[in-house]
Amino acid sequence: MAIRLNETALRHARSLVRDGDVVHDERDAWSEDAPTADEENGFIESEGWTEFRHWHLGIDDDANEETKEAYSFPYGDFRKVHRCAVISLESRAGQYDHDEIRDAAKKLLDLIDEG
């Protein structure tokens, strides 16, 4: 498994933050705010895999791109960036030595907190 930073998703996240499409929630809120499996499936069905990919900072090029396995480190709920999701993914990326994703998440969090 070779997870790398999904640059397209990062650009999408930055754009959303700049447009004010952010939920400034608390650190531990992601467990409540994260989309459910059914919500993910509904989003994929209506918007497709390309749009689903745009909501994850991690991408595994070895996995089938039309499976959820290929995408990790979600940062939002398919409508807005969630501050709590970015905090969570920054921590998790650092824990598993995905330094590029961790560093991108830190910069994204800084952008959120500037707003």
N, C-alpha and C. Protein backbone atom coordinates (compact mmCIF):
# COMPACT_ATOMS: atom_id res chain seq x y z
N MET A 1 0.85 -1.18 0.00
CA MET A 1 0.00 0.00 0.00
C MET A 1 0.89 1.24 0.00
N ALA A 2 0.79 2.01 -1.04
CA ALA A 2 1.59 3.23 -1.18
C ALA A 2 0.67 4.44 -1.20
N ILE A 3 0.38 4.94 -0.04
CA ILE A 3 -0.52 6.09 0.05
C ILE A 3 0.29 7.36 -0.15
N ARG A 4 -0.22 8.22 -1.02
CA ARG A 4 0.44 9.49 -1.30
C ARG A 4 -0.57 10.63 -1.15
N LEU A 5 -0.05 11.84 -1.10
CA LEU A 5 -0.90 13.02 -1.01
C LEU A 5 -1.68 13.19 -2.31
N ASN A 6 -2.97 13.38 -2.18
CA ASN A 6 -3.85 13.64 -3.31
C ASN A 6 -3.89 15.15 -3.52
N GLU A 7 -3.04 15.63 -4.43
CA GLU A 7 -2.89 17.07 -4.68
C GLU A 7 -4.20 17.71 -5.14
N THR A 8 -4.97 17.00 -5.94
CA THR A 8 -6.25 17.53 -6.43
C THR A 8 -7.20 17.77 -5.27
N ALA A 9 -7.25 16.84 -4.34
CA ALA A 9 -8.10 16.98 -3.16
C ALA A 9 -7.63 18.14 -2.30
N LEU A 10 -6.33 18.30 -2.18
CA LEU A 10 -5.80 19.41 -1.38
C LEU A 10 -6.20 20.75 -2.00
N ARG A 11 -6.09 20.87 -3.31
CA ARG A 11 -6.53 22.11 -3.98
C ARG A 11 -8.02 22.35 -3.76
N HIS A 12 -8.81 21.28 -3.84
CA HIS A 12 -10.26 21.38 -3.60
C HIS A 12 -10.54 21.86 -2.18
N ALA A 13 -9.84 21.29 -1.22
CA ALA A 13 -10.04 21.67 0.18
C ALA A 13 -9.67 23.14 0.40
N ARG A 14 -8.54 23.56 -0.14
CA ARG A 14 -8.13 24.97 0.00
C ARG A 14 -9.16 25.91 -0.60
N SER A 15 -9.69 25.54 -1.75
CA SER A 15 -10.70 26.36 -2.41
C SER A 15 -11.96 26.48 -1.54
N LEU A 16 -12.37 25.37 -0.98
CA LEU A 16 -13.55 25.40 -0.10
C LEU A 16 -13.31 26.30 1.11
N VAL A 17 -12.13 26.19 1.70
CA VAL A 17 -11.81 27.01 2.87
C VAL A 17 -11.82 28.49 2.48
N ARG A 18 -11.21 28.82 1.37
CA ARG A 18 -11.18 30.22 0.93
C ARG A 18 -12.58 30.76 0.64
N ASP A 19 -13.48 29.87 0.19
CA ASP A 19 -14.85 30.27 -0.08
C ASP A 19 -15.72 30.30 1.17
N GLY A 20 -15.15 29.90 2.31
CA GLY A 20 -15.89 29.91 3.56
C GLY A 20 -16.73 28.66 3.81
N ASP A 21 -16.51 27.64 3.02
CA ASP A 21 -17.26 26.39 3.19
C ASP A 21 -16.55 25.50 4.20
N VAL A 22 -16.57 25.96 5.46
CA VAL A 22 -15.86 25.31 6.55
C VAL A 22 -16.75 25.22 7.77
N VAL A 23 -16.67 24.12 8.47
CA VAL A 23 -17.31 23.98 9.78
C VAL A 23 -16.20 24.09 10.81
N HIS A 24 -16.26 25.12 11.64
CA HIS A 24 -15.25 25.36 12.67
C HIS A 24 -15.65 24.61 13.94
N ASP A 25 -15.54 23.31 13.87
CA ASP A 25 -15.97 22.49 15.00
C ASP A 25 -14.78 22.10 15.87
N GLU A 26 -15.09 21.41 16.93
CA GLU A 26 -14.07 21.05 17.92
C GLU A 26 -13.36 19.77 17.54
N ARG A 27 -12.24 19.57 18.14
CA ARG A 27 -11.31 18.47 17.86
C ARG A 27 -11.97 17.10 17.74
N ASP A 28 -12.82 16.74 18.66
CA ASP A 28 -13.37 15.38 18.72
C ASP A 28 -14.71 15.22 18.00
N ALA A 29 -15.14 16.21 17.27
CA ALA A 29 -16.46 16.16 16.63
C ALA A 29 -16.51 15.26 15.40
N TRP A 30 -15.36 14.88 14.83
CA TRP A 30 -15.37 14.15 13.57
C TRP A 30 -16.06 12.81 13.69
N SER A 31 -15.99 12.16 14.82
CA SER A 31 -16.67 10.87 14.97
C SER A 31 -18.18 11.02 14.78
N GLU A 32 -18.72 12.18 15.09
CA GLU A 32 -20.14 12.45 14.90
C GLU A 32 -20.44 13.03 13.52
N ASP A 33 -19.49 13.81 12.98
CA ASP A 33 -19.73 14.55 11.74
C ASP A 33 -19.36 13.78 10.47
N ALA A 34 -18.53 12.76 10.61
CA ALA A 34 -18.07 12.01 9.43
C ALA A 34 -19.24 11.36 8.71
N PRO A 35 -19.20 11.34 7.39
CA PRO A 35 -20.27 10.68 6.64
C PRO A 35 -20.33 9.18 6.98
N THR A 36 -21.52 8.65 7.02
CA THR A 36 -21.70 7.21 7.25
C THR A 36 -21.39 6.47 5.95
N ALA A 37 -21.26 5.17 6.04
CA ALA A 37 -21.03 4.35 4.84
C ALA A 37 -22.17 4.56 3.84
N ASP A 38 -23.40 4.64 4.33
CA ASP A 38 -24.54 4.86 3.43
C ASP A 38 -24.46 6.22 2.76
N GLU A 39 -24.04 7.24 3.50
CA GLU A 39 -23.89 8.57 2.91
C GLU A 39 -22.77 8.58 1.87
N GLU A 40 -21.68 7.88 2.16
CA GLU A 40 -20.60 7.75 1.17
C GLU A 40 -21.11 7.07 -0.09
N ASN A 41 -21.82 5.97 0.08
CA ASN A 41 -22.35 5.23 -1.07
C ASN A 41 -23.31 6.08 -1.89
N GLY A 42 -24.16 6.83 -1.22
CA GLY A 42 -25.09 7.72 -1.92
C GLY A 42 -24.35 8.80 -2.70
N PHE A 43 -23.30 9.34 -2.09
CA PHE A 43 -22.51 10.36 -2.78
C PHE A 43 -21.84 9.77 -4.02
N ILE A 44 -21.25 8.59 -3.88
CA ILE A 44 -20.60 7.94 -5.02
C ILE A 44 -21.62 7.67 -6.12
N GLU A 45 -22.79 7.20 -5.74
CA GLU A 45 -23.84 6.90 -6.72
C GLU A 45 -24.28 8.15 -7.47
N SER A 46 -24.42 9.26 -6.75
CA SER A 46 -24.92 10.47 -7.41
C SER A 46 -23.83 11.30 -8.07
N GLU A 47 -22.62 11.31 -7.50
CA GLU A 47 -21.56 12.20 -8.01
C GLU A 47 -20.41 11.47 -8.69
N GLY A 48 -20.22 10.20 -8.38
CA GLY A 48 -19.16 9.41 -9.01
C GLY A 48 -17.87 9.36 -8.21
N TRP A 49 -17.00 8.48 -8.67
CA TRP A 49 -15.73 8.24 -7.98
C TRP A 49 -14.80 9.43 -8.03
N THR A 50 -14.80 10.18 -9.13
CA THR A 50 -13.90 11.33 -9.23
C THR A 50 -14.21 12.34 -8.15
N GLU A 51 -15.48 12.63 -7.95
CA GLU A 51 -15.86 13.59 -6.90
C GLU A 51 -15.56 13.03 -5.51
N PHE A 52 -15.77 11.74 -5.31
CA PHE A 52 -15.46 11.11 -4.03
C PHE A 52 -13.96 11.28 -3.73
N ARG A 53 -13.14 11.08 -4.74
CA ARG A 53 -11.68 11.21 -4.61
C ARG A 53 -11.29 12.60 -4.14
N HIS A 54 -12.03 13.61 -4.57
CA HIS A 54 -11.71 15.00 -4.21
C HIS A 54 -11.87 15.31 -2.73
N TRP A 55 -12.47 14.41 -1.98
CA TRP A 55 -12.71 14.63 -0.55
C TRP A 55 -11.76 13.86 0.36
N HIS A 56 -10.66 13.35 -0.21
CA HIS A 56 -9.70 12.54 0.56
C HIS A 56 -8.28 12.97 0.23
N LEU A 57 -7.51 13.31 1.27
CA LEU A 57 -6.13 13.75 1.05
C LEU A 57 -5.17 12.60 0.78
N GLY A 58 -5.59 11.37 1.05
CA GLY A 58 -4.75 10.22 0.78
C GLY A 58 -5.29 9.41 -0.38
N ILE A 59 -4.38 8.95 -1.24
CA ILE A 59 -4.78 8.10 -2.36
C ILE A 59 -3.75 6.98 -2.50
N ASP A 60 -4.26 5.79 -2.71
CA ASP A 60 -3.42 4.61 -2.88
C ASP A 60 -3.46 4.19 -4.34
N ASP A 61 -2.37 4.43 -5.05
CA ASP A 61 -2.33 4.13 -6.48
C ASP A 61 -2.35 2.63 -6.77
N ASP A 62 -2.07 1.81 -5.77
CA ASP A 62 -2.08 0.36 -5.96
C ASP A 62 -3.48 -0.23 -5.86
N ALA A 63 -4.41 0.52 -5.30
CA ALA A 63 -5.78 0.04 -5.13
C ALA A 63 -6.64 0.40 -6.35
N ASN A 64 -7.70 -0.33 -6.54
CA ASN A 64 -8.66 -0.03 -7.61
C ASN A 64 -9.27 1.33 -7.32
N GLU A 65 -9.18 2.24 -8.30
CA GLU A 65 -9.67 3.61 -8.08
C GLU A 65 -11.18 3.71 -7.93
N GLU A 66 -11.88 2.63 -8.19
CA GLU A 66 -13.33 2.62 -7.99
C GLU A 66 -13.70 1.78 -6.78
N THR A 67 -12.87 1.89 -5.74
CA THR A 67 -13.17 1.28 -4.44
C THR A 67 -12.82 2.28 -3.35
N LYS A 68 -13.49 2.20 -2.25
CA LYS A 68 -13.19 3.09 -1.13
C LYS A 68 -11.80 2.84 -0.57
N GLU A 69 -11.29 1.63 -0.78
CA GLU A 69 -9.96 1.27 -0.29
C GLU A 69 -8.87 2.21 -0.84
N ALA A 70 -9.11 2.78 -2.00
CA ALA A 70 -8.11 3.64 -2.64
C ALA A 70 -7.99 5.01 -1.99
N TYR A 71 -8.93 5.38 -1.13
CA TYR A 71 -8.98 6.74 -0.60
C TYR A 71 -8.96 6.75 0.91
N SER A 72 -8.16 7.66 1.47
CA SER A 72 -8.04 7.77 2.92
C SER A 72 -7.87 9.24 3.31
N PHE A 73 -7.96 9.49 4.57
CA PHE A 73 -7.80 10.82 5.13
C PHE A 73 -8.84 11.81 4.61
N PRO A 74 -10.12 11.53 4.88
CA PRO A 74 -11.19 12.47 4.49
C PRO A 74 -11.11 13.75 5.30
N TYR A 75 -11.50 14.85 4.69
CA TYR A 75 -11.44 16.15 5.37
C TYR A 75 -12.79 16.85 5.46
N GLY A 76 -13.85 16.21 5.00
CA GLY A 76 -15.15 16.89 5.04
C GLY A 76 -16.30 15.95 4.79
N ASP A 77 -17.48 16.54 4.71
CA ASP A 77 -18.73 15.78 4.63
C ASP A 77 -19.39 15.84 3.24
N PHE A 78 -18.61 16.13 2.20
CA PHE A 78 -19.07 16.26 0.82
C PHE A 78 -19.79 17.58 0.55
N ARG A 79 -19.80 18.45 1.54
CA ARG A 79 -20.36 19.79 1.38
C ARG A 79 -19.37 20.84 1.89
N LYS A 80 -18.79 20.55 3.05
CA LYS A 80 -17.89 21.50 3.70
C LYS A 80 -16.68 20.78 4.30
N VAL A 81 -15.61 21.54 4.43
CA VAL A 81 -14.42 21.07 5.15
C VAL A 81 -14.76 21.14 6.64
N HIS A 82 -14.38 20.11 7.37
CA HIS A 82 -14.58 20.11 8.82
C HIS A 82 -13.23 20.25 9.51
N ARG A 83 -13.10 21.25 10.34
CA ARG A 83 -11.86 21.48 11.07
C ARG A 83 -11.46 20.22 11.85
N CYS A 84 -12.44 19.58 12.47
CA CYS A 84 -12.17 18.38 13.26
C CYS A 84 -11.62 17.25 12.40
N ALA A 85 -12.06 17.15 11.16
CA ALA A 85 -11.57 16.11 10.25
C ALA A 85 -10.11 16.36 9.91
N VAL A 86 -9.77 17.62 9.68
CA VAL A 86 -8.39 17.97 9.34
C VAL A 86 -7.47 17.69 10.53
N ILE A 87 -7.92 18.00 11.74
CA ILE A 87 -7.13 17.70 12.93
C ILE A 87 -6.93 16.20 13.06
N SER A 88 -8.00 15.46 12.87
CA SER A 88 -7.94 14.00 12.97
C SER A 88 -7.00 13.40 11.94
N LEU A 89 -7.11 13.84 10.71
CA LEU A 89 -6.27 13.25 9.66
C LEU A 89 -4.81 13.67 9.82
N GLU A 90 -4.58 14.87 10.31
CA GLU A 90 -3.19 15.29 10.56
C GLU A 90 -2.54 14.37 11.59
N SER A 91 -3.26 14.09 12.65
CA SER A 91 -2.74 13.21 13.70
C SER A 91 -2.51 11.80 13.19
N ARG A 92 -3.48 11.27 12.48
CA ARG A 92 -3.40 9.90 11.98
C ARG A 92 -2.30 9.77 10.93
N ALA A 93 -2.16 10.76 10.06
CA ALA A 93 -1.10 10.72 9.04
C ALA A 93 0.28 10.72 9.70
N GLY A 94 0.44 11.53 10.73
CA GLY A 94 1.71 11.55 11.46
C GLY A 94 1.99 10.24 12.16
N GLN A 95 0.96 9.66 12.72
CA GLN A 95 1.08 8.39 13.43
C GLN A 95 1.58 7.27 12.51
N TYR A 96 1.17 7.31 11.24
CA TYR A 96 1.53 6.26 10.29
C TYR A 96 2.60 6.70 9.28
N ASP A 97 3.34 7.75 9.63
CA ASP A 97 4.48 8.22 8.84
C ASP A 97 4.13 8.66 7.42
N HIS A 98 2.96 9.23 7.26
CA HIS A 98 2.58 9.84 5.98
C HIS A 98 2.88 11.34 6.12
N ASP A 99 4.15 11.66 6.13
CA ASP A 99 4.59 13.01 6.46
C ASP A 99 4.07 14.07 5.50
N GLU A 100 4.01 13.75 4.22
CA GLU A 100 3.54 14.73 3.23
C GLU A 100 2.06 15.07 3.48
N ILE A 101 1.27 14.07 3.82
CA ILE A 101 -0.15 14.29 4.11
C ILE A 101 -0.29 15.05 5.43
N ARG A 102 0.50 14.66 6.43
CA ARG A 102 0.48 15.36 7.72
C ARG A 102 0.80 16.84 7.54
N ASP A 103 1.85 17.13 6.78
CA ASP A 103 2.27 18.52 6.59
C ASP A 103 1.23 19.33 5.81
N ALA A 104 0.62 18.70 4.82
CA ALA A 104 -0.44 19.38 4.05
C ALA A 104 -1.64 19.67 4.94
N ALA A 105 -1.98 18.72 5.81
CA ALA A 105 -3.10 18.92 6.73
C ALA A 105 -2.81 20.06 7.70
N LYS A 106 -1.58 20.15 8.18
CA LYS A 106 -1.20 21.22 9.10
C LYS A 106 -1.38 22.58 8.42
N LYS A 107 -0.93 22.68 7.17
CA LYS A 107 -1.09 23.95 6.44
C LYS A 107 -2.56 24.26 6.17
N LEU A 108 -3.34 23.22 5.90
CA LEU A 108 -4.77 23.42 5.69
C LEU A 108 -5.43 23.89 6.99
N LEU A 109 -5.03 23.32 8.10
CA LEU A 109 -5.57 23.73 9.40
C LEU A 109 -5.20 25.20 9.68
N ASP A 110 -3.98 25.57 9.36
CA ASP A 110 -3.58 26.98 9.53
C ASP A 110 -4.46 27.90 8.69
N LEU A 111 -4.77 27.49 7.47
CA LEU A 111 -5.62 28.28 6.59
C LEU A 111 -7.02 28.41 7.19
N ILE A 112 -7.53 27.31 7.73
CA ILE A 112 -8.86 27.32 8.37
C ILE A 112 -8.85 28.29 9.55
N ASP A 113 -7.83 28.20 10.37
CA ASP A 113 -7.78 29.01 11.59
C ASP A 113 -7.53 30.49 11.32
N GLU A 114 -7.01 30.82 10.13
CA GLU A 114 -6.85 32.23 9.74
C GLU A 114 -8.21 32.88 9.46
N GLY A 115 -9.17 32.04 9.03
CA GLY A 115 -10.47 32.57 8.59
C GLY A 115 -11.41 32.93 9.64
